[in-house]
Amino acid sequence: MRLYDQIIEETMQLAGHAGIRPCTDLPGQKKRWKELGESDFLMAKEAAYELGGSGMPSVNFTCVSEEAGPQRDEILLAGPDLAEICGDVSFARVVILSVSNLGEGEDAYRAIREMESVRHHVFPKGYMVRVSAQSHEERVRVGKAAKKAGISFAGVGGAYIRKYKSIPGVRAVRILFFTDCDRMIRELQPKAAQVEGITKTLTHILDGLDAD
């Protein structure tokens, strides 16, 4: 399936302009950041800051591909890491999945929705996520204790990767985090709507058509 490949290419070009870089402490190089079985509820007084807070732009979306996806797991970052942020900043989290045997039509639609639902089932300690499906926004409240303990996007990203790779057919995961990149994040926002539009029409445009 190559329906999202152009969006993937354009997203990676924007990421390059933003100075995206690999996170230095990839999963396995340091002790895993603690994961919880449910959302870590943080009151405002417990928060160090919010990603996408104070009206700052935020966005999240997920693209899948059988050809244009990553060859290995990657966690990439543009902007300051979690322990370096001192106040509310803009935020984006983009996921690109390399998949196999996705199927077509309604089968593909259900598989993609399952992959997208991961965003509701990852619970790093001190990292409280609030997602709006309608606006494609994602806001995160980061706890003071977590910041002091050295929480990083490598640790958070590792939790996401483990959850994605528990889904059959997911071969590799690339997660891109953007912080304090207002203009770049606003450029990413329309792509979230494009991805959603493609996904919603899967059950129609794939009927009787070659997925390539």
N, C-alpha and C. Protein backbone atom coordinates (compact mmCIF):
# COMPACT_ATOMS: atom_id res chain seq x y z
N MET A 1 0.84 -1.20 0.00
CA MET A 1 0.00 0.00 0.00
C MET A 1 0.88 1.24 0.00
N ARG A 2 0.56 2.18 -0.94
CA ARG A 2 1.39 3.36 -1.09
C ARG A 2 0.58 4.64 -1.00
N LEU A 3 -0.62 4.56 -0.44
CA LEU A 3 -1.51 5.71 -0.42
C LEU A 3 -0.97 6.89 0.38
N TYR A 4 -0.15 6.62 1.37
CA TYR A 4 0.36 7.68 2.23
C TYR A 4 1.80 8.09 1.87
N ASP A 5 2.36 7.50 0.84
CA ASP A 5 3.80 7.67 0.58
C ASP A 5 4.18 9.12 0.29
N GLN A 6 3.34 9.87 -0.42
CA GLN A 6 3.67 11.26 -0.70
C GLN A 6 3.68 12.08 0.58
N ILE A 7 2.73 11.81 1.47
CA ILE A 7 2.70 12.53 2.75
C ILE A 7 3.94 12.18 3.56
N ILE A 8 4.34 10.93 3.54
CA ILE A 8 5.56 10.52 4.25
C ILE A 8 6.76 11.28 3.71
N GLU A 9 6.88 11.35 2.39
CA GLU A 9 8.02 12.05 1.78
C GLU A 9 8.01 13.53 2.15
N GLU A 10 6.87 14.17 2.07
CA GLU A 10 6.78 15.60 2.40
C GLU A 10 7.06 15.84 3.88
N THR A 11 6.60 14.95 4.73
CA THR A 11 6.85 15.08 6.17
C THR A 11 8.33 14.97 6.48
N MET A 12 9.02 14.04 5.85
CA MET A 12 10.44 13.88 6.09
C MET A 12 11.23 15.08 5.56
N GLN A 13 10.76 15.68 4.48
CA GLN A 13 11.41 16.90 3.98
C GLN A 13 11.26 18.04 4.98
N LEU A 14 10.06 18.20 5.53
CA LEU A 14 9.85 19.22 6.55
C LEU A 14 10.70 18.95 7.78
N ALA A 15 10.80 17.68 8.16
CA ALA A 15 11.61 17.32 9.32
C ALA A 15 13.07 17.68 9.10
N GLY A 16 13.55 17.46 7.88
CA GLY A 16 14.93 17.83 7.57
C GLY A 16 15.16 19.32 7.71
N HIS A 17 14.19 20.12 7.26
CA HIS A 17 14.31 21.58 7.40
C HIS A 17 14.31 22.00 8.86
N ALA A 18 13.64 21.21 9.71
CA ALA A 18 13.55 21.53 11.13
C ALA A 18 14.79 21.07 11.91
N GLY A 19 15.72 20.41 11.23
CA GLY A 19 16.92 19.92 11.91
C GLY A 19 16.68 18.68 12.73
N ILE A 20 15.83 17.79 12.24
CA ILE A 20 15.54 16.55 12.97
C ILE A 20 16.81 15.73 13.16
N ARG A 21 16.90 15.06 14.30
CA ARG A 21 18.12 14.30 14.63
C ARG A 21 17.72 13.06 15.42
N PRO A 22 18.56 12.03 15.40
CA PRO A 22 18.25 10.84 16.22
C PRO A 22 18.36 11.16 17.70
N CYS A 23 17.48 10.59 18.49
CA CYS A 23 17.64 10.66 19.94
C CYS A 23 18.86 9.82 20.33
N THR A 24 19.63 10.29 21.27
CA THR A 24 20.90 9.63 21.57
C THR A 24 20.75 8.38 22.42
N ASP A 25 19.76 8.34 23.31
CA ASP A 25 19.60 7.16 24.16
C ASP A 25 18.45 6.33 23.63
N LEU A 26 18.69 5.58 22.56
CA LEU A 26 17.69 4.73 21.95
C LEU A 26 17.33 3.58 22.87
N PRO A 27 16.17 2.97 22.67
CA PRO A 27 15.75 1.87 23.55
C PRO A 27 16.81 0.78 23.64
N GLY A 28 17.09 0.34 24.84
CA GLY A 28 18.08 -0.70 25.04
C GLY A 28 19.43 -0.17 25.49
N GLN A 29 19.70 1.13 25.21
CA GLN A 29 20.97 1.71 25.60
C GLN A 29 20.95 2.19 27.05
N LYS A 30 19.77 2.52 27.52
CA LYS A 30 19.61 2.93 28.91
C LYS A 30 18.42 2.18 29.50
N LYS A 31 18.29 2.27 30.80
CA LYS A 31 17.17 1.62 31.47
C LYS A 31 15.85 2.18 30.93
N ARG A 32 14.90 1.31 30.71
CA ARG A 32 13.60 1.74 30.20
C ARG A 32 12.94 2.74 31.15
N TRP A 33 12.27 3.73 30.53
CA TRP A 33 11.45 4.63 31.34
C TRP A 33 10.23 3.84 31.80
N LYS A 34 9.83 4.02 33.04
CA LYS A 34 8.74 3.23 33.61
C LYS A 34 7.44 3.47 32.87
N GLU A 35 6.73 2.38 32.56
CA GLU A 35 5.42 2.44 31.93
C GLU A 35 4.36 1.99 32.93
N LEU A 36 3.19 2.62 32.85
CA LEU A 36 2.10 2.33 33.76
C LEU A 36 0.98 1.60 33.01
N GLY A 37 0.06 1.03 33.74
CA GLY A 37 -1.04 0.32 33.12
C GLY A 37 -2.20 1.22 32.73
N GLU A 38 -2.13 2.47 33.17
CA GLU A 38 -3.17 3.45 32.86
C GLU A 38 -2.55 4.83 32.88
N SER A 39 -3.30 5.82 32.41
CA SER A 39 -2.77 7.17 32.32
C SER A 39 -2.34 7.68 33.70
N ASP A 40 -1.20 8.33 33.73
CA ASP A 40 -0.69 8.92 34.98
C ASP A 40 -1.32 10.29 35.14
N PHE A 41 -2.40 10.36 35.92
CA PHE A 41 -3.11 11.64 36.07
C PHE A 41 -2.23 12.63 36.83
N LEU A 42 -2.02 13.78 36.21
CA LEU A 42 -1.19 14.83 36.81
C LEU A 42 -2.01 16.09 36.98
N MET A 43 -2.07 16.59 38.18
CA MET A 43 -2.73 17.87 38.42
C MET A 43 -1.83 19.00 37.92
N ALA A 44 -2.44 20.15 37.68
CA ALA A 44 -1.67 21.29 37.14
C ALA A 44 -0.49 21.65 38.03
N LYS A 45 -0.67 21.56 39.34
CA LYS A 45 0.41 21.93 40.25
C LYS A 45 1.57 20.94 40.21
N GLU A 46 1.33 19.73 39.68
CA GLU A 46 2.37 18.72 39.58
C GLU A 46 3.13 18.80 38.26
N ALA A 47 2.65 19.65 37.35
CA ALA A 47 3.22 19.71 36.00
C ALA A 47 4.38 20.69 35.91
N ALA A 48 5.41 20.26 35.19
CA ALA A 48 6.52 21.17 34.88
C ALA A 48 6.14 22.08 33.72
N TYR A 49 5.40 21.53 32.76
CA TYR A 49 4.96 22.27 31.57
C TYR A 49 4.02 21.38 30.77
N GLU A 50 3.47 21.94 29.71
CA GLU A 50 2.65 21.16 28.79
C GLU A 50 3.16 21.31 27.36
N LEU A 51 3.26 20.20 26.68
CA LEU A 51 3.53 20.20 25.25
C LEU A 51 2.22 20.50 24.54
N GLY A 52 2.20 21.54 23.73
CA GLY A 52 0.95 21.95 23.10
C GLY A 52 0.04 22.71 24.04
N GLY A 53 0.54 23.16 25.18
CA GLY A 53 -0.25 23.90 26.14
C GLY A 53 -0.29 25.39 25.84
N SER A 54 -1.11 26.12 26.59
CA SER A 54 -1.23 27.58 26.45
C SER A 54 -1.58 28.01 25.03
N GLY A 55 -2.38 27.21 24.35
CA GLY A 55 -2.78 27.56 23.00
C GLY A 55 -1.72 27.35 21.94
N MET A 56 -0.61 26.72 22.29
CA MET A 56 0.44 26.44 21.32
C MET A 56 -0.05 25.40 20.31
N PRO A 57 0.43 25.47 19.06
CA PRO A 57 0.00 24.48 18.06
C PRO A 57 0.49 23.08 18.41
N SER A 58 -0.34 22.09 18.10
CA SER A 58 0.06 20.70 18.30
C SER A 58 -0.65 19.84 17.26
N VAL A 59 -0.07 18.69 16.97
CA VAL A 59 -0.67 17.78 15.99
C VAL A 59 -0.08 16.40 16.15
N ASN A 60 -0.85 15.38 15.78
CA ASN A 60 -0.31 14.03 15.70
C ASN A 60 -1.00 13.31 14.55
N PHE A 61 -0.27 12.45 13.86
CA PHE A 61 -0.86 11.59 12.85
C PHE A 61 0.05 10.40 12.60
N THR A 62 -0.54 9.36 11.98
CA THR A 62 0.17 8.11 11.73
C THR A 62 0.03 7.75 10.26
N CYS A 63 1.16 7.43 9.61
CA CYS A 63 1.16 6.98 8.22
C CYS A 63 1.71 5.55 8.16
N VAL A 64 1.14 4.75 7.28
CA VAL A 64 1.63 3.39 7.09
C VAL A 64 2.05 3.20 5.65
N SER A 65 3.03 2.33 5.43
CA SER A 65 3.48 2.05 4.07
C SER A 65 4.13 0.68 4.01
N GLU A 66 3.94 0.00 2.90
CA GLU A 66 4.62 -1.27 2.68
C GLU A 66 5.95 -1.07 1.97
N GLU A 67 6.22 0.17 1.48
CA GLU A 67 7.46 0.42 0.75
C GLU A 67 8.24 1.62 1.26
N ALA A 68 7.55 2.69 1.67
CA ALA A 68 8.24 3.94 2.03
C ALA A 68 8.48 4.07 3.53
N GLY A 69 8.16 3.03 4.29
CA GLY A 69 8.36 3.09 5.73
C GLY A 69 9.81 2.86 6.12
N PRO A 70 10.13 2.97 7.39
CA PRO A 70 11.51 2.80 7.86
C PRO A 70 11.96 1.34 7.76
N GLN A 71 13.27 1.17 7.64
CA GLN A 71 13.86 -0.18 7.62
C GLN A 71 14.19 -0.68 9.02
N ARG A 72 14.27 0.25 9.98
CA ARG A 72 14.56 -0.12 11.37
C ARG A 72 13.84 0.86 12.28
N ASP A 73 13.75 0.52 13.53
CA ASP A 73 13.10 1.40 14.50
C ASP A 73 13.93 2.67 14.69
N GLU A 74 13.25 3.82 14.71
CA GLU A 74 13.94 5.10 14.87
C GLU A 74 13.11 6.03 15.75
N ILE A 75 13.80 6.80 16.58
CA ILE A 75 13.18 7.88 17.34
C ILE A 75 13.94 9.15 17.00
N LEU A 76 13.25 10.11 16.40
CA LEU A 76 13.88 11.33 15.92
C LEU A 76 13.27 12.54 16.61
N LEU A 77 14.07 13.59 16.76
CA LEU A 77 13.63 14.77 17.50
C LEU A 77 14.10 16.05 16.83
N ALA A 78 13.19 17.01 16.72
CA ALA A 78 13.53 18.38 16.33
C ALA A 78 13.10 19.30 17.48
N GLY A 79 14.05 20.04 18.02
CA GLY A 79 13.76 20.88 19.17
C GLY A 79 14.33 20.30 20.45
N PRO A 80 14.08 20.96 21.58
CA PRO A 80 14.63 20.48 22.85
C PRO A 80 13.98 19.20 23.34
N ASP A 81 14.75 18.39 24.07
CA ASP A 81 14.23 17.16 24.66
C ASP A 81 13.45 17.49 25.93
N LEU A 82 12.76 16.49 26.46
CA LEU A 82 11.83 16.72 27.57
C LEU A 82 12.48 17.34 28.80
N ALA A 83 13.67 16.87 29.15
CA ALA A 83 14.33 17.37 30.36
C ALA A 83 14.89 18.78 30.16
N GLU A 84 14.92 19.27 28.91
CA GLU A 84 15.48 20.59 28.60
C GLU A 84 14.42 21.68 28.51
N ILE A 85 13.16 21.29 28.43
CA ILE A 85 12.08 22.26 28.23
C ILE A 85 11.71 22.90 29.57
N CYS A 86 11.49 24.21 29.53
CA CYS A 86 11.22 24.95 30.77
C CYS A 86 9.83 25.56 30.86
N GLY A 87 9.09 25.52 29.78
CA GLY A 87 7.74 26.08 29.78
C GLY A 87 6.93 25.48 28.64
N ASP A 88 5.66 25.85 28.55
CA ASP A 88 4.80 25.31 27.50
C ASP A 88 5.37 25.61 26.12
N VAL A 89 5.36 24.60 25.24
CA VAL A 89 5.88 24.75 23.88
C VAL A 89 4.95 24.04 22.90
N SER A 90 5.11 24.37 21.63
CA SER A 90 4.38 23.67 20.58
C SER A 90 4.89 22.23 20.48
N PHE A 91 4.05 21.35 19.89
CA PHE A 91 4.39 19.93 19.92
C PHE A 91 3.75 19.17 18.77
N ALA A 92 4.50 18.24 18.20
CA ALA A 92 3.96 17.30 17.22
C ALA A 92 4.58 15.94 17.44
N ARG A 93 3.75 14.91 17.23
CA ARG A 93 4.25 13.53 17.23
C ARG A 93 3.74 12.86 15.97
N VAL A 94 4.65 12.45 15.12
CA VAL A 94 4.29 11.81 13.85
C VAL A 94 4.87 10.41 13.85
N VAL A 95 4.07 9.44 13.46
CA VAL A 95 4.51 8.04 13.42
C VAL A 95 4.44 7.53 11.98
N ILE A 96 5.52 6.90 11.53
CA ILE A 96 5.56 6.28 10.21
C ILE A 96 5.86 4.80 10.42
N LEU A 97 4.95 3.95 9.96
CA LEU A 97 5.04 2.52 10.20
C LEU A 97 5.35 1.78 8.91
N SER A 98 6.32 0.90 8.98
CA SER A 98 6.57 -0.04 7.89
C SER A 98 5.77 -1.30 8.18
N VAL A 99 4.88 -1.66 7.25
CA VAL A 99 3.94 -2.75 7.52
C VAL A 99 3.97 -3.78 6.39
N SER A 100 3.42 -4.94 6.68
CA SER A 100 3.28 -5.98 5.67
C SER A 100 1.89 -6.60 5.80
N ASN A 101 1.40 -7.13 4.69
CA ASN A 101 0.12 -7.85 4.68
C ASN A 101 -1.02 -7.02 5.28
N LEU A 102 -1.09 -5.76 4.86
CA LEU A 102 -2.12 -4.88 5.41
C LEU A 102 -3.51 -5.21 4.88
N GLY A 103 -3.57 -5.79 3.71
CA GLY A 103 -4.86 -6.09 3.11
C GLY A 103 -5.39 -4.90 2.33
N GLU A 104 -6.66 -4.96 1.97
CA GLU A 104 -7.29 -3.90 1.20
C GLU A 104 -8.65 -3.57 1.78
N GLY A 105 -9.21 -2.47 1.31
CA GLY A 105 -10.56 -2.10 1.69
C GLY A 105 -10.79 -2.07 3.19
N GLU A 106 -11.86 -2.72 3.62
CA GLU A 106 -12.23 -2.68 5.04
C GLU A 106 -11.18 -3.35 5.92
N ASP A 107 -10.50 -4.36 5.42
CA ASP A 107 -9.44 -5.00 6.20
C ASP A 107 -8.32 -4.01 6.49
N ALA A 108 -7.91 -3.25 5.47
CA ALA A 108 -6.86 -2.24 5.66
C ALA A 108 -7.33 -1.15 6.61
N TYR A 109 -8.57 -0.74 6.44
CA TYR A 109 -9.13 0.30 7.31
C TYR A 109 -9.07 -0.12 8.78
N ARG A 110 -9.53 -1.32 9.07
CA ARG A 110 -9.52 -1.81 10.45
C ARG A 110 -8.10 -1.93 11.00
N ALA A 111 -7.16 -2.39 10.16
CA ALA A 111 -5.78 -2.53 10.60
C ALA A 111 -5.17 -1.18 10.92
N ILE A 112 -5.42 -0.19 10.08
CA ILE A 112 -4.87 1.15 10.31
C ILE A 112 -5.47 1.77 11.56
N ARG A 113 -6.77 1.60 11.75
CA ARG A 113 -7.40 2.15 12.96
C ARG A 113 -6.82 1.49 14.22
N GLU A 114 -6.50 0.22 14.15
CA GLU A 114 -5.88 -0.44 15.30
C GLU A 114 -4.51 0.17 15.60
N MET A 115 -3.75 0.43 14.56
CA MET A 115 -2.44 1.04 14.75
C MET A 115 -2.57 2.45 15.31
N GLU A 116 -3.53 3.22 14.81
CA GLU A 116 -3.74 4.58 15.33
C GLU A 116 -4.15 4.56 16.80
N SER A 117 -4.87 3.53 17.21
CA SER A 117 -5.38 3.48 18.58
C SER A 117 -4.28 3.31 19.62
N VAL A 118 -3.06 3.00 19.17
CA VAL A 118 -1.94 2.87 20.11
C VAL A 118 -1.77 4.14 20.94
N ARG A 119 -2.05 5.29 20.32
CA ARG A 119 -1.87 6.56 21.04
C ARG A 119 -2.68 6.63 22.33
N HIS A 120 -3.72 5.81 22.45
CA HIS A 120 -4.55 5.80 23.65
C HIS A 120 -4.10 4.74 24.67
N HIS A 121 -3.04 4.01 24.37
CA HIS A 121 -2.68 2.86 25.21
C HIS A 121 -1.20 2.83 25.60
N VAL A 122 -0.56 3.97 25.58
CA VAL A 122 0.84 4.07 26.02
C VAL A 122 0.86 5.04 27.19
N PHE A 123 1.42 4.59 28.33
CA PHE A 123 1.32 5.37 29.57
C PHE A 123 2.67 5.52 30.27
N PRO A 124 3.57 6.32 29.74
CA PRO A 124 4.84 6.56 30.44
C PRO A 124 4.58 7.31 31.76
N LYS A 125 5.34 6.99 32.77
CA LYS A 125 5.16 7.64 34.07
C LYS A 125 5.52 9.13 33.95
N GLY A 126 4.64 9.96 34.47
CA GLY A 126 4.89 11.40 34.45
C GLY A 126 4.64 12.06 33.12
N TYR A 127 3.89 11.37 32.23
CA TYR A 127 3.68 11.87 30.86
C TYR A 127 2.21 11.62 30.53
N MET A 128 1.37 12.62 30.78
CA MET A 128 -0.07 12.48 30.63
C MET A 128 -0.52 13.05 29.28
N VAL A 129 -1.06 12.18 28.43
CA VAL A 129 -1.43 12.55 27.06
C VAL A 129 -2.92 12.80 26.95
N ARG A 130 -3.26 13.87 26.24
CA ARG A 130 -4.66 14.17 25.90
C ARG A 130 -4.73 14.37 24.39
N VAL A 131 -5.56 13.56 23.74
CA VAL A 131 -5.65 13.55 22.27
C VAL A 131 -7.04 13.97 21.84
N SER A 132 -7.10 14.81 20.81
CA SER A 132 -8.37 15.18 20.19
C SER A 132 -8.44 14.58 18.80
N ALA A 133 -9.34 13.61 18.60
CA ALA A 133 -9.47 12.97 17.29
C ALA A 133 -10.03 13.94 16.26
N GLN A 134 -10.86 14.89 16.69
CA GLN A 134 -11.48 15.83 15.75
C GLN A 134 -10.47 16.84 15.20
N SER A 135 -9.62 17.37 16.06
CA SER A 135 -8.68 18.42 15.63
C SER A 135 -7.28 17.88 15.37
N HIS A 136 -7.03 16.58 15.65
CA HIS A 136 -5.73 15.95 15.48
C HIS A 136 -4.67 16.56 16.41
N GLU A 137 -5.11 17.19 17.47
CA GLU A 137 -4.17 17.77 18.43
C GLU A 137 -3.75 16.73 19.46
N GLU A 138 -2.55 16.90 19.98
CA GLU A 138 -2.07 16.05 21.07
C GLU A 138 -1.36 16.95 22.08
N ARG A 139 -1.88 16.96 23.28
CA ARG A 139 -1.27 17.75 24.35
C ARG A 139 -0.75 16.82 25.43
N VAL A 140 0.39 17.16 25.98
CA VAL A 140 1.03 16.30 26.97
C VAL A 140 1.42 17.13 28.19
N ARG A 141 1.00 16.68 29.34
CA ARG A 141 1.41 17.30 30.61
C ARG A 141 2.57 16.48 31.17
N VAL A 142 3.71 17.12 31.35
CA VAL A 142 4.91 16.45 31.86
C VAL A 142 5.13 16.84 33.31
N GLY A 143 5.26 15.83 34.16
CA GLY A 143 5.37 16.08 35.59
C GLY A 143 6.74 16.62 36.01
N LYS A 144 6.72 17.39 37.07
CA LYS A 144 7.97 17.93 37.62
C LYS A 144 8.91 16.81 38.04
N ALA A 145 8.37 15.79 38.68
CA ALA A 145 9.20 14.68 39.15
C ALA A 145 9.82 13.94 37.97
N ALA A 146 9.06 13.77 36.89
CA ALA A 146 9.58 13.08 35.70
C ALA A 146 10.70 13.89 35.06
N LYS A 147 10.51 15.19 34.97
CA LYS A 147 11.57 16.04 34.40
C LYS A 147 12.84 15.95 35.24
N LYS A 148 12.69 16.02 36.55
CA LYS A 148 13.85 15.93 37.44
C LYS A 148 14.56 14.59 37.31
N ALA A 149 13.78 13.53 37.04
CA ALA A 149 14.35 12.19 36.93
C ALA A 149 14.98 11.93 35.56
N GLY A 150 14.83 12.89 34.63
CA GLY A 150 15.49 12.75 33.34
C GLY A 150 14.66 12.12 32.24
N ILE A 151 13.34 12.29 32.28
CA ILE A 151 12.50 11.76 31.22
C ILE A 151 12.97 12.27 29.86
N SER A 152 12.92 11.43 28.85
CA SER A 152 13.39 11.81 27.52
C SER A 152 12.46 11.24 26.46
N PHE A 153 12.55 11.80 25.25
CA PHE A 153 11.76 11.26 24.16
C PHE A 153 12.24 9.87 23.75
N ALA A 154 13.48 9.56 24.02
CA ALA A 154 13.95 8.20 23.74
C ALA A 154 13.19 7.19 24.60
N GLY A 155 13.02 7.50 25.88
CA GLY A 155 12.28 6.61 26.76
C GLY A 155 10.81 6.53 26.41
N VAL A 156 10.21 7.70 26.15
CA VAL A 156 8.80 7.73 25.76
C VAL A 156 8.60 7.05 24.41
N GLY A 157 9.48 7.36 23.45
CA GLY A 157 9.37 6.75 22.13
C GLY A 157 9.53 5.25 22.18
N GLY A 158 10.40 4.77 23.05
CA GLY A 158 10.59 3.34 23.19
C GLY A 158 9.32 2.64 23.64
N ALA A 159 8.56 3.30 24.53
CA ALA A 159 7.29 2.73 24.98
C ALA A 159 6.30 2.63 23.82
N TYR A 160 6.27 3.67 22.98
CA TYR A 160 5.39 3.63 21.81
C TYR A 160 5.81 2.52 20.85
N ILE A 161 7.10 2.40 20.61
CA ILE A 161 7.58 1.38 19.66
C ILE A 161 7.19 -0.02 20.12
N ARG A 162 7.37 -0.30 21.39
CA ARG A 162 7.02 -1.64 21.90
C ARG A 162 5.54 -1.93 21.69
N LYS A 163 4.70 -0.93 21.88
CA LYS A 163 3.27 -1.15 21.70
C LYS A 163 2.92 -1.34 20.22
N TYR A 164 3.50 -0.52 19.35
CA TYR A 164 3.23 -0.69 17.91
C TYR A 164 3.68 -2.07 17.43
N LYS A 165 4.84 -2.52 17.88
CA LYS A 165 5.38 -3.77 17.36
C LYS A 165 4.71 -5.00 17.98
N SER A 166 3.80 -4.78 18.89
CA SER A 166 2.99 -5.90 19.39
C SER A 166 1.84 -6.20 18.43
N ILE A 167 1.66 -5.33 17.42
CA ILE A 167 0.59 -5.52 16.43
C ILE A 167 1.15 -6.34 15.26
N PRO A 168 0.51 -7.44 14.89
CA PRO A 168 0.99 -8.24 13.76
C PRO A 168 1.07 -7.40 12.48
N GLY A 169 2.16 -7.59 11.75
CA GLY A 169 2.33 -6.88 10.49
C GLY A 169 3.16 -5.62 10.58
N VAL A 170 3.41 -5.10 11.78
CA VAL A 170 4.25 -3.91 11.93
C VAL A 170 5.71 -4.35 11.98
N ARG A 171 6.49 -3.97 10.98
CA ARG A 171 7.88 -4.41 10.88
C ARG A 171 8.85 -3.43 11.54
N ALA A 172 8.62 -2.13 11.35
CA ALA A 172 9.52 -1.13 11.91
C ALA A 172 8.74 0.15 12.16
N VAL A 173 9.23 0.94 13.12
CA VAL A 173 8.53 2.14 13.57
C VAL A 173 9.48 3.34 13.56
N ARG A 174 9.03 4.41 12.95
CA ARG A 174 9.77 5.69 13.04
C ARG A 174 8.86 6.70 13.74
N ILE A 175 9.35 7.25 14.85
CA ILE A 175 8.59 8.26 15.58
C ILE A 175 9.35 9.58 15.50
N LEU A 176 8.65 10.62 15.07
CA LEU A 176 9.23 11.95 14.98
C LEU A 176 8.56 12.84 16.02
N PHE A 177 9.34 13.45 16.88
CA PHE A 177 8.85 14.41 17.86
C PHE A 177 9.35 15.80 17.45
N PHE A 178 8.47 16.79 17.53
CA PHE A 178 8.82 18.19 17.27
C PHE A 178 8.41 19.01 18.48
N THR A 179 9.34 19.79 19.02
CA THR A 179 9.02 20.68 20.14
C THR A 179 9.53 22.08 19.84
N ASP A 180 8.73 23.07 20.24
CA ASP A 180 9.12 24.47 20.10
C ASP A 180 9.46 24.82 18.64
N CYS A 181 8.67 24.27 17.71
CA CYS A 181 8.86 24.53 16.27
C CYS A 181 7.51 25.00 15.71
N ASP A 182 7.04 26.16 16.13
CA ASP A 182 5.68 26.59 15.83
C ASP A 182 5.37 26.57 14.34
N ARG A 183 6.20 27.20 13.53
CA ARG A 183 5.92 27.29 12.09
C ARG A 183 5.90 25.91 11.46
N MET A 184 6.85 25.08 11.82
CA MET A 184 6.93 23.74 11.25
C MET A 184 5.70 22.90 11.63
N ILE A 185 5.28 23.02 12.86
CA ILE A 185 4.12 22.25 13.32
C ILE A 185 2.85 22.71 12.62
N ARG A 186 2.73 24.00 12.38
CA ARG A 186 1.57 24.49 11.63
C ARG A 186 1.58 23.95 10.20
N GLU A 187 2.75 23.72 9.64
CA GLU A 187 2.84 23.13 8.31
C GLU A 187 2.46 21.65 8.33
N LEU A 188 2.66 21.01 9.46
CA LEU A 188 2.30 19.60 9.58
C LEU A 188 0.81 19.40 9.81
N GLN A 189 0.14 20.38 10.38
CA GLN A 189 -1.28 20.22 10.74
C GLN A 189 -2.16 19.82 9.56
N PRO A 190 -2.02 20.44 8.37
CA PRO A 190 -2.89 20.01 7.25
C PRO A 190 -2.64 18.56 6.83
N LYS A 191 -1.45 18.05 7.07
CA LYS A 191 -1.15 16.67 6.68
C LYS A 191 -1.93 15.68 7.53
N ALA A 192 -2.20 16.03 8.76
CA ALA A 192 -3.02 15.17 9.61
C ALA A 192 -4.41 15.02 9.01
N ALA A 193 -4.96 16.12 8.50
CA ALA A 193 -6.28 16.06 7.88
C ALA A 193 -6.24 15.25 6.58
N GLN A 194 -5.14 15.37 5.83
CA GLN A 194 -5.00 14.59 4.60
C GLN A 194 -4.95 13.09 4.90
N VAL A 195 -4.20 12.72 5.93
CA VAL A 195 -4.10 11.31 6.32
C VAL A 195 -5.47 10.78 6.71
N GLU A 196 -6.21 11.54 7.50
CA GLU A 196 -7.53 11.11 7.94
C GLU A 196 -8.47 10.96 6.74
N GLY A 197 -8.38 11.88 5.78
CA GLY A 197 -9.23 11.79 4.61
C GLY A 197 -8.96 10.53 3.80
N ILE A 198 -7.68 10.18 3.65
CA ILE A 198 -7.32 8.96 2.92
C ILE A 198 -7.85 7.73 3.66
N THR A 199 -7.67 7.70 4.95
CA THR A 199 -8.09 6.54 5.73
C THR A 199 -9.60 6.34 5.66
N LYS A 200 -10.35 7.42 5.74
CA LYS A 200 -11.80 7.32 5.72
C LYS A 200 -12.33 6.79 4.40
N THR A 201 -11.60 7.04 3.32
CA THR A 201 -12.09 6.62 2.01
C THR A 201 -11.58 5.24 1.60
N LEU A 202 -10.82 4.59 2.46
CA LEU A 202 -10.23 3.30 2.08
C LEU A 202 -11.26 2.28 1.63
N THR A 203 -12.36 2.22 2.29
CA THR A 203 -13.35 1.18 1.96
C THR A 203 -13.99 1.42 0.60
N HIS A 204 -13.81 2.62 0.05
CA HIS A 204 -14.40 2.93 -1.26
C HIS A 204 -13.36 2.88 -2.38
N ILE A 205 -12.23 3.56 -2.20
CA ILE A 205 -11.30 3.71 -3.32
C ILE A 205 -10.52 2.44 -3.60
N LEU A 206 -10.46 1.53 -2.63
CA LEU A 206 -9.70 0.31 -2.87
C LEU A 206 -10.55 -0.81 -3.48
N ASP A 207 -11.86 -0.63 -3.50
CA ASP A 207 -12.70 -1.68 -4.06
C ASP A 207 -12.42 -1.86 -5.54
N GLY A 208 -11.87 -3.00 -5.90
CA GLY A 208 -11.61 -3.32 -7.30
C GLY A 208 -10.42 -2.62 -7.90
N LEU A 209 -9.61 -1.89 -7.06
CA LEU A 209 -8.46 -1.18 -7.60
C LEU A 209 -7.16 -1.81 -7.11
N ASP A 210 -6.12 -1.63 -7.89
CA ASP A 210 -4.77 -2.04 -7.49
C ASP A 210 -4.29 -1.05 -6.45
N ALA A 211 -3.87 -1.53 -5.28
CA ALA A 211 -3.45 -0.63 -4.20
C ALA A 211 -2.24 0.19 -4.57
N ASP A 212 -1.47 -0.19 -5.60
CA ASP A 212 -0.34 0.62 -6.02
C ASP A 212 -0.79 1.77 -6.92
